[in-house]
Amino acid sequence: MTTIMVTQIMRIDRRSLTTGLALMLLLPLGGVFAEPDSGEQAVQRLLETNACPGCNLDGTDLSGQNLLGADLHGASLRQVKLADTAVTGSDLREADLTGADLRGAILGGCNLADAVLTEARLEDAFLTRARLQRANLDGAGLRYARLDNANLDGASLVGADLREADLYSARFFFADLSDAQLQGADMNSADLGEAMLGGAVTDSLTVCPDRSQGPCNW
């Protein structure tokens, strides 16, 4: 084989290799940047595998389902219906639950750190030992909710309705409870270190962190 022929073959091989590498780089992009599962597809995936991290489940109805230990890290759950749903021990970190219906939901031990729960309905919800560090609960309805021993360090609860909620030994270190409604709440032994409490309302039925009856003197 002459030197000229060898050189031509090498040039063709280089062009093929370059083209192949370009295709290899382009082809996976659809997988890497694929849209997350949403709607009925996301619901089916969640119910079959108990996991749908990053999925879009906005507005879906999951009421009464068994989602114990589900992986919903970073999922979008805006306006989702989870009333009376068992979600114990689930991973809901960074999930968006804006306006979600969680009335009577069992969320004990859930990891809701950095989750968004603005205007969510959590009346009668069970959140014992839930982790809600830095969660946004502004305007959330938490009347009669159980938050005993929950961790709400750094959480925002501006204007939240916590009337008659069980907040026994809950942590609110650096939390923002401005304008929160705390009438009748049990705050016995709650840690309010460095919490913002301007405008927070208590009454004679509130049990203050020092076990005294309200209204509480912050």
N, C-alpha and C. Protein backbone atom coordinates (compact mmCIF):
# COMPACT_ATOMS: atom_id res chain seq x y z
N MET A 1 0.86 -1.19 0.00
CA MET A 1 0.00 0.00 0.00
C MET A 1 0.90 1.25 0.00
N THR A 2 0.62 2.15 -0.92
CA THR A 2 1.49 3.31 -1.04
C THR A 2 1.28 4.26 0.14
N THR A 3 2.27 5.16 0.31
CA THR A 3 2.19 6.15 1.39
C THR A 3 1.01 7.08 1.20
N ILE A 4 0.67 7.42 -0.06
CA ILE A 4 -0.45 8.33 -0.36
C ILE A 4 -1.75 7.70 0.07
N MET A 5 -1.93 6.38 -0.22
CA MET A 5 -3.17 5.70 0.15
C MET A 5 -3.32 5.62 1.67
N VAL A 6 -2.24 5.34 2.38
CA VAL A 6 -2.28 5.26 3.84
C VAL A 6 -2.68 6.60 4.44
N THR A 7 -2.11 7.67 3.88
CA THR A 7 -2.42 9.01 4.37
C THR A 7 -3.90 9.33 4.17
N GLN A 8 -4.45 8.97 2.99
CA GLN A 8 -5.86 9.23 2.72
C GLN A 8 -6.77 8.47 3.67
N ILE A 9 -6.43 7.20 3.94
CA ILE A 9 -7.23 6.39 4.86
C ILE A 9 -7.22 6.99 6.26
N MET A 10 -6.04 7.46 6.69
CA MET A 10 -5.93 8.06 8.02
C MET A 10 -6.79 9.31 8.13
N ARG A 11 -6.83 10.10 7.03
CA ARG A 11 -7.65 11.31 7.04
C ARG A 11 -9.14 10.95 7.16
N ILE A 12 -9.56 9.91 6.42
CA ILE A 12 -10.96 9.47 6.47
C ILE A 12 -11.30 8.97 7.85
N ASP A 13 -10.39 8.20 8.46
CA ASP A 13 -10.62 7.66 9.80
C ASP A 13 -10.75 8.78 10.83
N ARG A 14 -9.92 9.83 10.68
CA ARG A 14 -9.99 10.96 11.61
C ARG A 14 -11.34 11.66 11.50
N ARG A 15 -11.79 11.85 10.23
CA ARG A 15 -13.10 12.50 10.03
C ARG A 15 -14.22 11.66 10.63
N SER A 16 -14.15 10.34 10.46
CA SER A 16 -15.17 9.44 11.00
C SER A 16 -15.19 9.48 12.52
N LEU A 17 -13.97 9.50 13.09
CA LEU A 17 -13.85 9.52 14.55
C LEU A 17 -14.42 10.82 15.10
N THR A 18 -14.11 11.94 14.42
CA THR A 18 -14.62 13.24 14.87
C THR A 18 -16.13 13.28 14.79
N THR A 19 -16.70 12.78 13.68
CA THR A 19 -18.15 12.75 13.51
C THR A 19 -18.80 11.86 14.56
N GLY A 20 -18.17 10.70 14.82
CA GLY A 20 -18.71 9.78 15.82
C GLY A 20 -18.72 10.37 17.21
N LEU A 21 -17.64 11.06 17.56
CA LEU A 21 -17.58 11.69 18.88
C LEU A 21 -18.63 12.77 19.02
N ALA A 22 -18.84 13.53 17.95
CA ALA A 22 -19.85 14.58 17.99
C ALA A 22 -21.24 14.00 18.21
N LEU A 23 -21.53 12.89 17.53
CA LEU A 23 -22.83 12.23 17.69
C LEU A 23 -22.99 11.68 19.10
N MET A 24 -21.91 11.12 19.64
CA MET A 24 -21.96 10.58 21.00
C MET A 24 -22.25 11.67 22.02
N LEU A 25 -21.73 12.87 21.77
CA LEU A 25 -21.97 13.97 22.69
C LEU A 25 -23.38 14.51 22.58
N LEU A 26 -23.93 14.47 21.37
CA LEU A 26 -25.26 15.03 21.16
C LEU A 26 -26.38 14.10 21.56
N LEU A 27 -26.23 12.81 21.29
CA LEU A 27 -27.31 11.86 21.53
C LEU A 27 -27.79 11.79 22.97
N PRO A 28 -26.92 11.78 23.98
CA PRO A 28 -27.41 11.66 25.36
C PRO A 28 -28.15 12.88 25.88
N LEU A 29 -28.06 13.99 25.14
CA LEU A 29 -28.66 15.20 25.68
C LEU A 29 -30.15 15.06 25.95
N GLY A 30 -30.84 14.29 25.13
CA GLY A 30 -32.26 14.09 25.35
C GLY A 30 -32.55 13.44 26.67
N GLY A 31 -31.67 12.52 27.12
CA GLY A 31 -31.86 11.85 28.39
C GLY A 31 -31.51 12.74 29.57
N VAL A 32 -30.39 13.46 29.42
CA VAL A 32 -29.92 14.29 30.52
C VAL A 32 -30.89 15.42 30.81
N PHE A 33 -31.43 16.03 29.73
CA PHE A 33 -32.28 17.19 29.90
C PHE A 33 -33.75 16.87 29.63
N ALA A 34 -34.10 15.59 29.73
CA ALA A 34 -35.49 15.20 29.48
C ALA A 34 -36.42 15.81 30.51
N GLU A 35 -37.63 16.12 30.06
CA GLU A 35 -38.64 16.65 30.96
C GLU A 35 -38.99 15.59 32.01
N PRO A 36 -39.20 15.99 33.27
CA PRO A 36 -39.57 15.01 34.30
C PRO A 36 -40.96 14.47 34.04
N ASP A 37 -41.22 13.28 34.57
CA ASP A 37 -42.56 12.70 34.44
C ASP A 37 -43.58 13.67 35.03
N SER A 38 -44.77 13.69 34.43
CA SER A 38 -45.82 14.57 34.93
C SER A 38 -47.18 13.91 34.75
N GLY A 39 -48.18 14.48 35.42
CA GLY A 39 -49.55 14.00 35.27
C GLY A 39 -49.73 12.54 35.60
N GLU A 40 -50.55 11.86 34.81
CA GLU A 40 -50.86 10.46 35.06
C GLU A 40 -49.63 9.57 34.99
N GLN A 41 -48.69 9.92 34.13
CA GLN A 41 -47.46 9.14 34.03
C GLN A 41 -46.68 9.19 35.34
N ALA A 42 -46.62 10.38 35.94
CA ALA A 42 -45.93 10.54 37.22
C ALA A 42 -46.66 9.81 38.33
N VAL A 43 -48.00 9.89 38.34
CA VAL A 43 -48.79 9.19 39.35
C VAL A 43 -48.55 7.69 39.27
N GLN A 44 -48.57 7.15 38.05
CA GLN A 44 -48.36 5.71 37.87
C GLN A 44 -46.97 5.29 38.35
N ARG A 45 -45.97 6.10 38.01
CA ARG A 45 -44.61 5.79 38.44
C ARG A 45 -44.51 5.79 39.96
N LEU A 46 -45.13 6.81 40.59
CA LEU A 46 -45.08 6.92 42.05
C LEU A 46 -45.75 5.74 42.73
N LEU A 47 -46.93 5.36 42.25
CA LEU A 47 -47.68 4.28 42.89
C LEU A 47 -47.03 2.93 42.66
N GLU A 48 -46.32 2.78 41.55
CA GLU A 48 -45.67 1.50 41.24
C GLU A 48 -44.33 1.33 41.93
N THR A 49 -43.59 2.44 42.06
CA THR A 49 -42.22 2.36 42.58
C THR A 49 -42.03 3.04 43.92
N ASN A 50 -43.04 3.82 44.36
CA ASN A 50 -42.96 4.62 45.58
C ASN A 50 -41.85 5.65 45.51
N ALA A 51 -41.54 6.07 44.28
CA ALA A 51 -40.50 7.08 44.09
C ALA A 51 -40.78 7.85 42.81
N CYS A 52 -40.65 9.17 42.92
CA CYS A 52 -40.80 10.02 41.73
C CYS A 52 -40.10 11.35 42.00
N PRO A 53 -38.80 11.31 42.30
CA PRO A 53 -38.08 12.54 42.60
C PRO A 53 -38.07 13.48 41.40
N GLY A 54 -38.34 14.74 41.66
CA GLY A 54 -38.32 15.73 40.60
C GLY A 54 -39.53 15.71 39.69
N CYS A 55 -40.48 14.84 39.94
CA CYS A 55 -41.66 14.73 39.07
C CYS A 55 -42.60 15.91 39.23
N ASN A 56 -43.42 16.12 38.22
CA ASN A 56 -44.45 17.16 38.27
C ASN A 56 -45.78 16.49 38.54
N LEU A 57 -46.27 16.64 39.77
CA LEU A 57 -47.54 16.06 40.19
C LEU A 57 -48.55 17.14 40.54
N ASP A 58 -48.36 18.31 39.98
CA ASP A 58 -49.22 19.45 40.29
C ASP A 58 -50.70 19.11 40.06
N GLY A 59 -51.52 19.40 41.07
CA GLY A 59 -52.96 19.26 40.93
C GLY A 59 -53.50 17.84 40.94
N THR A 60 -52.66 16.85 41.15
CA THR A 60 -53.13 15.47 41.14
C THR A 60 -53.79 15.12 42.47
N ASP A 61 -54.60 14.07 42.44
CA ASP A 61 -55.33 13.62 43.63
C ASP A 61 -54.72 12.33 44.14
N LEU A 62 -54.02 12.41 45.25
CA LEU A 62 -53.38 11.24 45.88
C LEU A 62 -53.99 10.97 47.25
N SER A 63 -55.18 11.49 47.46
CA SER A 63 -55.84 11.35 48.77
C SER A 63 -56.01 9.88 49.14
N GLY A 64 -55.66 9.58 50.38
CA GLY A 64 -55.88 8.24 50.90
C GLY A 64 -54.87 7.20 50.46
N GLN A 65 -53.88 7.57 49.65
CA GLN A 65 -52.88 6.61 49.19
C GLN A 65 -51.88 6.28 50.30
N ASN A 66 -51.20 5.17 50.13
CA ASN A 66 -50.14 4.77 51.06
C ASN A 66 -48.80 5.13 50.42
N LEU A 67 -48.18 6.19 50.91
CA LEU A 67 -46.91 6.65 50.37
C LEU A 67 -45.82 6.61 51.43
N LEU A 68 -45.86 5.62 52.28
CA LEU A 68 -44.87 5.49 53.35
C LEU A 68 -43.47 5.41 52.76
N GLY A 69 -42.59 6.29 53.22
CA GLY A 69 -41.21 6.26 52.78
C GLY A 69 -40.99 6.63 51.33
N ALA A 70 -41.94 7.32 50.71
CA ALA A 70 -41.83 7.67 49.29
C ALA A 70 -40.69 8.67 49.06
N ASP A 71 -40.06 8.56 47.89
CA ASP A 71 -39.01 9.50 47.50
C ASP A 71 -39.63 10.53 46.55
N LEU A 72 -39.88 11.73 47.08
CA LEU A 72 -40.43 12.83 46.29
C LEU A 72 -39.53 14.05 46.40
N HIS A 73 -38.26 13.79 46.52
CA HIS A 73 -37.26 14.86 46.65
C HIS A 73 -37.36 15.80 45.44
N GLY A 74 -37.58 17.07 45.72
CA GLY A 74 -37.60 18.06 44.65
C GLY A 74 -38.81 18.00 43.74
N ALA A 75 -39.82 17.24 44.10
CA ALA A 75 -41.00 17.11 43.25
C ALA A 75 -41.87 18.37 43.32
N SER A 76 -42.62 18.62 42.25
CA SER A 76 -43.57 19.72 42.23
C SER A 76 -44.94 19.16 42.56
N LEU A 77 -45.48 19.59 43.69
CA LEU A 77 -46.75 19.07 44.21
C LEU A 77 -47.71 20.23 44.49
N ARG A 78 -47.66 21.23 43.67
CA ARG A 78 -48.52 22.40 43.86
C ARG A 78 -49.99 22.01 43.71
N GLN A 79 -50.79 22.43 44.70
CA GLN A 79 -52.23 22.17 44.70
C GLN A 79 -52.58 20.67 44.72
N VAL A 80 -51.63 19.83 45.05
CA VAL A 80 -51.91 18.39 45.10
C VAL A 80 -52.83 18.06 46.26
N LYS A 81 -53.62 17.01 46.10
CA LYS A 81 -54.52 16.57 47.16
C LYS A 81 -53.91 15.35 47.85
N LEU A 82 -53.55 15.54 49.12
CA LEU A 82 -52.95 14.47 49.92
C LEU A 82 -53.68 14.32 51.25
N ALA A 83 -54.94 14.72 51.27
CA ALA A 83 -55.72 14.63 52.51
C ALA A 83 -55.81 13.19 52.98
N ASP A 84 -55.58 12.99 54.28
CA ASP A 84 -55.67 11.67 54.92
C ASP A 84 -54.73 10.64 54.29
N THR A 85 -53.65 11.12 53.72
CA THR A 85 -52.68 10.23 53.08
C THR A 85 -51.55 9.88 54.04
N ALA A 86 -51.12 8.63 54.02
CA ALA A 86 -49.99 8.19 54.86
C ALA A 86 -48.69 8.45 54.11
N VAL A 87 -47.91 9.41 54.60
CA VAL A 87 -46.66 9.79 53.95
C VAL A 87 -45.50 9.66 54.94
N THR A 88 -45.69 8.90 55.99
CA THR A 88 -44.69 8.78 57.06
C THR A 88 -43.31 8.45 56.53
N GLY A 89 -42.32 9.19 57.01
CA GLY A 89 -40.92 8.91 56.68
C GLY A 89 -40.53 9.21 55.26
N SER A 90 -41.35 9.93 54.51
CA SER A 90 -41.04 10.22 53.11
C SER A 90 -40.01 11.33 52.95
N ASP A 91 -39.35 11.33 51.80
CA ASP A 91 -38.36 12.35 51.48
C ASP A 91 -39.03 13.41 50.61
N LEU A 92 -39.33 14.56 51.23
CA LEU A 92 -39.96 15.67 50.52
C LEU A 92 -39.07 16.91 50.56
N ARG A 93 -37.78 16.69 50.65
CA ARG A 93 -36.85 17.82 50.65
C ARG A 93 -37.00 18.63 49.37
N GLU A 94 -37.06 19.94 49.53
CA GLU A 94 -37.12 20.89 48.42
C GLU A 94 -38.36 20.70 47.53
N ALA A 95 -39.33 19.95 48.00
CA ALA A 95 -40.57 19.79 47.23
C ALA A 95 -41.39 21.07 47.29
N ASP A 96 -42.15 21.32 46.23
CA ASP A 96 -43.02 22.49 46.19
C ASP A 96 -44.45 22.04 46.43
N LEU A 97 -44.95 22.31 47.65
CA LEU A 97 -46.30 21.93 48.05
C LEU A 97 -47.19 23.16 48.23
N THR A 98 -46.95 24.17 47.44
CA THR A 98 -47.73 25.39 47.53
C THR A 98 -49.22 25.08 47.37
N GLY A 99 -50.01 25.52 48.33
CA GLY A 99 -51.45 25.34 48.25
C GLY A 99 -51.93 23.90 48.32
N ALA A 100 -51.08 22.98 48.73
CA ALA A 100 -51.46 21.56 48.79
C ALA A 100 -52.48 21.30 49.89
N ASP A 101 -53.33 20.31 49.66
CA ASP A 101 -54.32 19.90 50.66
C ASP A 101 -53.76 18.70 51.42
N LEU A 102 -53.29 18.96 52.63
CA LEU A 102 -52.67 17.92 53.47
C LEU A 102 -53.45 17.74 54.77
N ARG A 103 -54.71 18.06 54.73
CA ARG A 103 -55.53 17.94 55.94
C ARG A 103 -55.59 16.48 56.40
N GLY A 104 -55.22 16.27 57.65
CA GLY A 104 -55.27 14.93 58.22
C GLY A 104 -54.19 14.00 57.71
N ALA A 105 -53.24 14.50 56.92
CA ALA A 105 -52.17 13.65 56.39
C ALA A 105 -51.23 13.22 57.51
N ILE A 106 -50.67 12.03 57.37
CA ILE A 106 -49.73 11.49 58.36
C ILE A 106 -48.33 11.67 57.81
N LEU A 107 -47.64 12.67 58.35
CA LEU A 107 -46.32 13.07 57.85
C LEU A 107 -45.24 12.91 58.92
N GLY A 108 -45.50 12.07 59.89
CA GLY A 108 -44.54 11.88 60.97
C GLY A 108 -43.18 11.45 60.46
N GLY A 109 -42.13 12.13 60.91
CA GLY A 109 -40.77 11.76 60.53
C GLY A 109 -40.39 12.12 59.11
N CYS A 110 -41.24 12.83 58.39
CA CYS A 110 -40.92 13.21 57.01
C CYS A 110 -39.78 14.23 56.98
N ASN A 111 -39.02 14.18 55.90
CA ASN A 111 -37.97 15.18 55.70
C ASN A 111 -38.51 16.22 54.73
N LEU A 112 -38.90 17.38 55.28
CA LEU A 112 -39.45 18.47 54.49
C LEU A 112 -38.51 19.69 54.51
N ALA A 113 -37.24 19.43 54.71
CA ALA A 113 -36.28 20.52 54.76
C ALA A 113 -36.30 21.28 53.43
N ASP A 114 -36.35 22.61 53.52
CA ASP A 114 -36.32 23.50 52.36
C ASP A 114 -37.55 23.34 51.45
N ALA A 115 -38.58 22.68 51.94
CA ALA A 115 -39.80 22.54 51.14
C ALA A 115 -40.61 23.84 51.17
N VAL A 116 -41.44 24.03 50.16
CA VAL A 116 -42.32 25.19 50.07
C VAL A 116 -43.75 24.73 50.35
N LEU A 117 -44.32 25.26 51.45
CA LEU A 117 -45.67 24.89 51.86
C LEU A 117 -46.53 26.14 52.07
N THR A 118 -46.27 27.18 51.31
CA THR A 118 -47.03 28.40 51.45
C THR A 118 -48.51 28.15 51.14
N GLU A 119 -49.36 28.66 52.03
CA GLU A 119 -50.81 28.52 51.88
C GLU A 119 -51.29 27.07 51.86
N ALA A 120 -50.44 26.14 52.27
CA ALA A 120 -50.85 24.73 52.32
C ALA A 120 -51.84 24.51 53.46
N ARG A 121 -52.73 23.54 53.28
CA ARG A 121 -53.72 23.21 54.30
C ARG A 121 -53.24 21.98 55.05
N LEU A 122 -52.86 22.19 56.31
CA LEU A 122 -52.30 21.13 57.14
C LEU A 122 -53.10 20.96 58.43
N GLU A 123 -54.36 21.35 58.42
CA GLU A 123 -55.18 21.19 59.60
C GLU A 123 -55.26 19.71 59.98
N ASP A 124 -55.09 19.42 61.27
CA ASP A 124 -55.15 18.05 61.80
C ASP A 124 -54.05 17.14 61.26
N ALA A 125 -53.07 17.70 60.58
CA ALA A 125 -51.98 16.86 60.05
C ALA A 125 -51.08 16.38 61.19
N PHE A 126 -50.50 15.21 61.00
CA PHE A 126 -49.61 14.59 61.99
C PHE A 126 -48.18 14.78 61.50
N LEU A 127 -47.44 15.69 62.16
CA LEU A 127 -46.07 16.04 61.76
C LEU A 127 -45.07 15.81 62.89
N THR A 128 -45.40 14.90 63.79
CA THR A 128 -44.49 14.59 64.89
C THR A 128 -43.11 14.21 64.37
N ARG A 129 -42.10 14.87 64.91
CA ARG A 129 -40.69 14.62 64.55
C ARG A 129 -40.38 14.88 63.08
N ALA A 130 -41.22 15.63 62.41
CA ALA A 130 -40.93 15.99 61.02
C ALA A 130 -39.77 16.98 60.98
N ARG A 131 -38.99 16.92 59.90
CA ARG A 131 -37.86 17.83 59.72
C ARG A 131 -38.28 18.90 58.71
N LEU A 132 -38.43 20.11 59.21
CA LEU A 132 -38.92 21.23 58.41
C LEU A 132 -37.94 22.40 58.42
N GLN A 133 -36.66 22.10 58.55
CA GLN A 133 -35.68 23.17 58.59
C GLN A 133 -35.76 24.01 57.31
N ARG A 134 -35.84 25.32 57.51
CA ARG A 134 -35.85 26.31 56.42
C ARG A 134 -37.06 26.17 55.49
N ALA A 135 -38.05 25.40 55.89
CA ALA A 135 -39.26 25.27 55.07
C ALA A 135 -40.04 26.58 55.07
N ASN A 136 -40.76 26.84 54.00
CA ASN A 136 -41.59 28.04 53.91
C ASN A 136 -43.05 27.65 54.14
N LEU A 137 -43.58 28.05 55.30
CA LEU A 137 -44.96 27.74 55.69
C LEU A 137 -45.77 29.03 55.84
N ASP A 138 -45.38 30.06 55.11
CA ASP A 138 -46.09 31.33 55.22
C ASP A 138 -47.57 31.14 54.85
N GLY A 139 -48.44 31.61 55.75
CA GLY A 139 -49.87 31.54 55.49
C GLY A 139 -50.46 30.15 55.53
N ALA A 140 -49.70 29.16 55.99
CA ALA A 140 -50.20 27.78 56.02
C ALA A 140 -51.23 27.60 57.14
N GLY A 141 -52.18 26.72 56.90
CA GLY A 141 -53.19 26.39 57.90
C GLY A 141 -52.76 25.17 58.69
N LEU A 142 -52.40 25.38 59.95
CA LEU A 142 -51.89 24.29 60.79
C LEU A 142 -52.72 24.12 62.06
N ARG A 143 -53.97 24.54 61.99
CA ARG A 143 -54.80 24.42 63.18
C ARG A 143 -54.97 22.95 63.56
N TYR A 144 -54.81 22.68 64.84
CA TYR A 144 -54.92 21.33 65.42
C TYR A 144 -53.81 20.38 64.94
N ALA A 145 -52.85 20.87 64.18
CA ALA A 145 -51.77 20.00 63.70
C ALA A 145 -50.87 19.56 64.85
N ARG A 146 -50.29 18.38 64.70
CA ARG A 146 -49.32 17.88 65.68
C ARG A 146 -47.92 18.09 65.14
N LEU A 147 -47.20 18.99 65.80
CA LEU A 147 -45.83 19.30 65.43
C LEU A 147 -44.90 19.06 66.61
N ASP A 148 -45.32 18.21 67.54
CA ASP A 148 -44.48 17.96 68.70
C ASP A 148 -43.15 17.33 68.28
N ASN A 149 -42.08 17.86 68.86
CA ASN A 149 -40.72 17.40 68.59
C ASN A 149 -40.29 17.58 67.13
N ALA A 150 -41.01 18.41 66.38
CA ALA A 150 -40.62 18.70 65.01
C ALA A 150 -39.49 19.72 64.99
N ASN A 151 -38.70 19.70 63.94
CA ASN A 151 -37.59 20.64 63.80
C ASN A 151 -37.94 21.67 62.73
N LEU A 152 -38.19 22.91 63.18
CA LEU A 152 -38.53 24.01 62.28
C LEU A 152 -37.47 25.11 62.33
N ASP A 153 -36.25 24.73 62.61
CA ASP A 153 -35.17 25.71 62.67
C ASP A 153 -35.07 26.46 61.34
N GLY A 154 -35.10 27.78 61.42
CA GLY A 154 -34.95 28.59 60.22
C GLY A 154 -36.16 28.62 59.32
N ALA A 155 -37.26 28.01 59.74
CA ALA A 155 -38.46 27.99 58.91
C ALA A 155 -39.18 29.33 58.94
N SER A 156 -39.96 29.58 57.91
CA SER A 156 -40.75 30.81 57.86
C SER A 156 -42.22 30.44 58.00
N LEU A 157 -42.86 31.00 59.05
CA LEU A 157 -44.27 30.73 59.32
C LEU A 157 -45.03 32.05 59.47
N VAL A 158 -44.72 32.99 58.63
CA VAL A 158 -45.34 34.31 58.69
C VAL A 158 -46.84 34.18 58.44
N GLY A 159 -47.63 34.63 59.40
CA GLY A 159 -49.07 34.59 59.25
C GLY A 159 -49.68 33.20 59.28
N ALA A 160 -48.93 32.20 59.70
CA ALA A 160 -49.45 30.83 59.75
C ALA A 160 -50.49 30.69 60.85
N ASP A 161 -51.47 29.83 60.61
CA ASP A 161 -52.52 29.56 61.60
C ASP A 161 -52.12 28.33 62.40
N LEU A 162 -51.65 28.57 63.62
CA LEU A 162 -51.21 27.49 64.51
C LEU A 162 -52.12 27.40 65.74
N ARG A 163 -53.34 27.83 65.59
CA ARG A 163 -54.27 27.78 66.72
C ARG A 163 -54.49 26.34 67.16
N GLU A 164 -54.35 26.13 68.47
CA GLU A 164 -54.58 24.83 69.10
C GLU A 164 -53.70 23.71 68.54
N ALA A 165 -52.57 24.11 67.96
CA ALA A 165 -51.62 23.12 67.47
C ALA A 165 -50.78 22.58 68.62
N ASP A 166 -50.30 21.35 68.47
CA ASP A 166 -49.41 20.74 69.46
C ASP A 166 -47.98 21.01 69.05
N LEU A 167 -47.33 21.93 69.75
CA LEU A 167 -45.96 22.32 69.45
C LEU A 167 -44.99 21.92 70.56
N TYR A 168 -45.37 20.93 71.32
CA TYR A 168 -44.55 20.49 72.45
C TYR A 168 -43.13 20.12 72.00
N SER A 169 -42.15 20.76 72.63
CA SER A 169 -40.72 20.50 72.37
C SER A 169 -40.32 20.68 70.92
N ALA A 170 -41.10 21.43 70.16
CA ALA A 170 -40.71 21.72 68.77
C ALA A 170 -39.58 22.75 68.77
N ARG A 171 -38.75 22.70 67.75
CA ARG A 171 -37.62 23.63 67.62
C ARG A 171 -37.97 24.71 66.60
N PHE A 172 -37.82 25.96 67.01
CA PHE A 172 -38.07 27.11 66.14
C PHE A 172 -36.87 28.04 66.15
N PHE A 173 -35.69 27.51 66.27
CA PHE A 173 -34.50 28.33 66.36
C PHE A 173 -34.32 29.14 65.08
N PHE A 174 -34.29 30.48 65.22
CA PHE A 174 -34.17 31.41 64.10
C PHE A 174 -35.36 31.33 63.14
N ALA A 175 -36.48 30.76 63.56
CA ALA A 175 -37.67 30.72 62.72
C ALA A 175 -38.38 32.07 62.73
N ASP A 176 -39.17 32.33 61.68
CA ASP A 176 -39.93 33.58 61.60
C ASP A 176 -41.40 33.28 61.83
N LEU A 177 -41.90 33.65 63.01
CA LEU A 177 -43.29 33.43 63.39
C LEU A 177 -44.05 34.75 63.44
N SER A 178 -43.61 35.71 62.67
CA SER A 178 -44.27 37.02 62.66
C SER A 178 -45.74 36.87 62.27
N ASP A 179 -46.60 37.50 63.07
CA ASP A 179 -48.05 37.52 62.81
C ASP A 179 -48.70 36.13 62.84
N ALA A 180 -48.01 35.14 63.39
CA ALA A 180 -48.61 33.80 63.50
C ALA A 180 -49.72 33.80 64.54
N GLN A 181 -50.72 32.97 64.31
CA GLN A 181 -51.82 32.82 65.26
C GLN A 181 -51.53 31.60 66.15
N LEU A 182 -51.33 31.86 67.42
CA LEU A 182 -50.92 30.80 68.35
C LEU A 182 -51.93 30.65 69.51
N GLN A 183 -53.15 31.11 69.30
CA GLN A 183 -54.15 30.99 70.35
C GLN A 183 -54.44 29.52 70.64
N GLY A 184 -54.34 29.18 71.93
CA GLY A 184 -54.64 27.81 72.33
C GLY A 184 -53.58 26.79 71.98
N ALA A 185 -52.46 27.21 71.41
CA ALA A 185 -51.40 26.28 71.04
C ALA A 185 -50.64 25.80 72.28
N ASP A 186 -50.18 24.56 72.24
CA ASP A 186 -49.36 24.02 73.33
C ASP A 186 -47.90 24.16 72.94
N MET A 187 -47.23 25.18 73.50
CA MET A 187 -45.83 25.45 73.19
C MET A 187 -44.91 25.02 74.33
N ASN A 188 -45.41 24.17 75.18
CA ASN A 188 -44.63 23.70 76.32
C ASN A 188 -43.27 23.16 75.87
N SER A 189 -42.21 23.74 76.42
CA SER A 189 -40.82 23.32 76.16
C SER A 189 -40.36 23.55 74.73
N ALA A 190 -41.11 24.33 73.94
CA ALA A 190 -40.67 24.65 72.59
C ALA A 190 -39.44 25.55 72.65
N ASP A 191 -38.51 25.36 71.71
CA ASP A 191 -37.29 26.15 71.64
C ASP A 191 -37.50 27.29 70.64
N LEU A 192 -37.63 28.52 71.17
CA LEU A 192 -37.86 29.69 70.34
C LEU A 192 -36.62 30.59 70.28
N GLY A 193 -35.46 29.99 70.48
CA GLY A 193 -34.23 30.77 70.49
C GLY A 193 -34.04 31.57 69.21
N GLU A 194 -33.90 32.88 69.33
CA GLU A 194 -33.68 33.81 68.23
C GLU A 194 -34.82 33.85 67.22
N ALA A 195 -35.98 33.31 67.58
CA ALA A 195 -37.13 33.34 66.67
C ALA A 195 -37.69 34.76 66.57
N MET A 196 -38.26 35.08 65.43
CA MET A 196 -38.92 36.38 65.22
C MET A 196 -40.40 36.21 65.53
N LEU A 197 -40.90 36.97 66.49
CA LEU A 197 -42.25 36.77 66.99
C LEU A 197 -43.10 38.04 66.97
N GLY A 198 -42.66 39.02 66.20
CA GLY A 198 -43.42 40.27 66.12
C GLY A 198 -44.82 40.05 65.58
N GLY A 199 -45.81 40.48 66.34
CA GLY A 199 -47.19 40.34 65.90
C GLY A 199 -47.81 38.98 66.13
N ALA A 200 -47.03 38.02 66.67
CA ALA A 200 -47.57 36.69 66.97
C ALA A 200 -48.61 36.81 68.08
N VAL A 201 -49.74 36.13 67.91
CA VAL A 201 -50.88 36.28 68.83
C VAL A 201 -51.05 35.04 69.69
N THR A 202 -51.07 35.23 71.02
CA THR A 202 -51.37 34.15 71.96
C THR A 202 -52.55 34.59 72.82
N ASP A 203 -53.13 33.66 73.55
CA ASP A 203 -54.23 34.02 74.45
C ASP A 203 -54.11 33.24 75.74
N SER A 204 -55.14 33.31 76.58
CA SER A 204 -55.10 32.67 77.90
C SER A 204 -55.08 31.14 77.80
N LEU A 205 -55.39 30.59 76.65
CA LEU A 205 -55.37 29.14 76.47
C LEU A 205 -54.05 28.63 75.91
N THR A 206 -53.19 29.55 75.52
CA THR A 206 -51.88 29.15 75.01
C THR A 206 -50.99 28.69 76.16
N VAL A 207 -50.31 27.57 75.96
CA VAL A 207 -49.31 27.13 76.93
C VAL A 207 -47.97 27.63 76.42
N CYS A 208 -47.35 28.53 77.16
CA CYS A 208 -46.10 29.16 76.74
C CYS A 208 -44.92 28.21 76.90
N PRO A 209 -43.79 28.51 76.24
CA PRO A 209 -42.62 27.63 76.33
C PRO A 209 -42.15 27.34 77.76
N ASP A 210 -42.37 28.31 78.67
CA ASP A 210 -41.95 28.10 80.06
C ASP A 210 -43.05 27.41 80.89
N ARG A 211 -44.05 26.86 80.21
CA ARG A 211 -45.17 26.11 80.81
C ARG A 211 -46.22 27.00 81.46
N SER A 212 -46.03 28.30 81.40
CA SER A 212 -47.03 29.21 81.98
C SER A 212 -48.19 29.37 80.99
N GLN A 213 -49.32 29.84 81.50
CA GLN A 213 -50.46 30.09 80.64
C GLN A 213 -50.31 31.47 80.00
N GLY A 214 -50.77 31.60 78.77
CA GLY A 214 -50.67 32.84 78.04
C GLY A 214 -51.61 33.90 78.57
N PRO A 215 -51.61 35.06 77.96
CA PRO A 215 -50.75 35.41 76.80
C PRO A 215 -49.26 35.37 77.15
N CYS A 216 -48.48 34.95 76.19
CA CYS A 216 -47.04 34.75 76.44
C CYS A 216 -46.28 36.06 76.31
N ASN A 217 -45.27 36.21 77.14
CA ASN A 217 -44.38 37.34 77.07
C ASN A 217 -43.07 36.88 76.42
N TRP A 218 -42.85 37.33 75.23
CA TRP A 218 -41.65 36.89 74.53
C TRP A 218 -40.42 37.65 75.04
